[in-house]
Amino acid sequence: MFASLTTRTFAFAALCVAAMLPLSAANAQQATELQITYDGAFQPSELRAPAGKPITVKVKNNTAKAMEFESKTLKVEKVIPSKGEAVVNVRAQKAGRYEFFDEFNEKARGNLVVE
């Protein structure tokens, strides 16, 4: 009986995971993808995205030091190693202006404008 229950439980779990995969792929496709580079300053320093959609920001750090992409209003922070890249996922936002910066170099600042 235990083996039968385990097999049915495993099969049900596998079906649940399989059912969620297309949804996850669909959600990923709906995200607005933005790219930004960091050379001690963000380039571009202003990003634009539509309101109400998740946002994916690909950050490329071209410096010899690690940096931390952070935004208190977007509630994100991610350390990016020197000469490395990272993806920062941002939840769908209301229209507005959201500041981001490098926590290790707070003079380096930028804005995400959600319209």
Protein backbone atom coordinates (compact mmCIF):
# COMPACT_ATOMS: atom_id res chain seq x y z
CA MET A 1 0.00 0.00 0.00
CA PHE A 2 2.83 2.43 0.86
CA ALA A 3 4.58 1.76 -2.46
CA SER A 4 1.34 2.38 -4.37
CA LEU A 5 0.70 5.62 -2.48
CA THR A 6 4.27 6.78 -3.11
CA THR A 7 4.00 6.02 -6.83
CA ARG A 8 0.69 7.89 -7.11
CA THR A 9 2.08 10.81 -5.11
CA PHE A 10 5.16 10.96 -7.33
CA ALA A 11 3.05 10.81 -10.49
CA PHE A 12 0.79 13.60 -9.21
CA ALA A 13 3.81 15.76 -8.33
CA ALA A 14 5.31 15.16 -11.78
CA LEU A 15 2.04 16.22 -13.43
CA CYS A 16 1.93 19.38 -11.32
CA VAL A 17 5.49 20.30 -12.28
CA ALA A 18 4.80 19.56 -15.97
CA ALA A 19 1.67 21.72 -15.87
CA MET A 20 3.61 24.63 -14.35
CA LEU A 21 6.48 24.62 -16.88
CA PRO A 22 4.55 26.17 -19.80
CA LEU A 23 3.13 28.79 -17.42
CA SER A 24 6.61 29.68 -16.19
CA ALA A 25 7.89 29.96 -19.75
CA ALA A 26 4.90 32.14 -20.65
CA ASN A 27 5.56 34.41 -17.65
CA ALA A 28 9.24 34.71 -18.60
CA GLN A 29 8.24 35.71 -22.12
CA GLN A 30 6.00 38.46 -20.78
CA ALA A 31 8.82 40.15 -18.87
CA THR A 32 10.30 43.27 -20.37
CA GLU A 33 14.02 42.67 -20.87
CA LEU A 34 16.42 45.55 -20.39
CA GLN A 35 20.22 45.61 -20.56
CA ILE A 36 22.62 47.87 -18.77
CA THR A 37 26.40 48.01 -18.45
CA TYR A 38 28.44 49.30 -15.56
CA ASP A 39 31.84 51.00 -16.00
CA GLY A 40 31.79 52.96 -12.75
CA ALA A 41 28.57 54.52 -14.06
CA PHE A 42 25.47 52.94 -15.51
CA GLN A 43 25.04 53.03 -19.27
CA PRO A 44 22.34 53.95 -20.05
CA SER A 45 21.56 55.75 -16.82
CA GLU A 46 17.85 55.74 -17.54
CA LEU A 47 15.82 52.68 -18.44
CA ARG A 48 12.18 52.59 -19.54
CA ALA A 49 9.61 49.84 -19.12
CA PRO A 50 5.84 49.49 -19.35
CA ALA A 51 3.75 49.49 -16.17
CA GLY A 52 2.17 46.30 -14.95
CA LYS A 53 4.68 43.87 -16.48
CA PRO A 54 7.60 42.10 -14.80
CA ILE A 55 11.02 43.40 -15.76
CA THR A 56 14.28 41.57 -16.27
CA VAL A 57 17.41 43.72 -16.10
CA LYS A 58 20.60 42.13 -17.41
CA VAL A 59 23.54 43.90 -15.78
CA LYS A 60 27.08 43.58 -17.13
CA ASN A 61 29.83 44.75 -14.81
CA ASN A 62 32.87 45.80 -16.88
CA THR A 63 34.95 46.95 -13.91
CA ALA A 64 37.71 45.14 -12.02
CA LYS A 65 35.67 45.35 -8.79
CA ALA A 66 32.44 43.74 -7.70
CA MET A 67 29.41 46.01 -7.64
CA GLU A 68 25.99 45.76 -6.04
CA PHE A 69 22.99 46.71 -8.12
CA GLU A 70 20.48 47.97 -5.58
CA SER A 71 17.17 49.76 -5.46
CA LYS A 72 15.28 50.31 -2.25
CA THR A 73 12.08 51.30 -4.06
CA LEU A 74 12.20 48.25 -6.35
CA LYS A 75 13.28 46.09 -3.41
CA VAL A 76 16.15 44.43 -5.27
CA GLU A 77 19.84 44.02 -4.61
CA LYS A 78 22.35 41.79 -6.33
CA VAL A 79 26.12 41.58 -6.11
CA ILE A 80 27.76 41.24 -9.50
CA PRO A 81 31.37 40.08 -9.65
CA SER A 82 34.07 41.94 -11.55
CA LYS A 83 33.81 41.36 -15.30
CA GLY A 84 30.62 39.42 -14.60
CA GLU A 85 26.97 39.51 -15.52
CA ALA A 86 23.76 38.95 -13.60
CA VAL A 87 20.03 39.08 -14.11
CA VAL A 88 17.90 41.15 -11.75
CA ASN A 89 14.22 40.27 -11.76
CA VAL A 90 11.84 43.06 -10.85
CA ARG A 91 8.17 42.57 -10.11
CA ALA A 92 5.58 44.43 -12.16
CA GLN A 93 5.52 48.05 -11.06
CA LYS A 94 3.10 50.94 -11.15
CA ALA A 95 4.01 53.95 -13.26
CA GLY A 96 6.71 56.01 -11.64
CA ARG A 97 10.40 56.72 -11.37
CA TYR A 98 12.52 54.20 -9.45
CA GLU A 99 16.11 54.95 -8.56
CA PHE A 100 18.87 52.33 -8.56
CA PHE A 101 22.54 52.60 -7.61
CA ASP A 102 25.76 50.71 -6.95
CA GLU A 103 25.91 50.26 -3.18
CA PHE A 104 29.71 50.07 -3.33
CA ASN A 105 29.86 53.38 -5.27
CA GLU A 106 26.77 55.39 -4.43
CA LYS A 107 27.74 58.13 -6.87
CA ALA A 108 26.79 55.69 -9.64
CA ARG A 109 23.04 56.12 -9.95
CA GLY A 110 20.33 55.56 -12.51
CA ASN A 111 16.58 55.48 -12.89
CA LEU A 112 13.98 53.07 -14.13
CA VAL A 113 11.04 54.96 -15.56
CA VAL A 114 7.89 52.84 -15.63
CA GLU A 115 5.18 54.27 -17.89
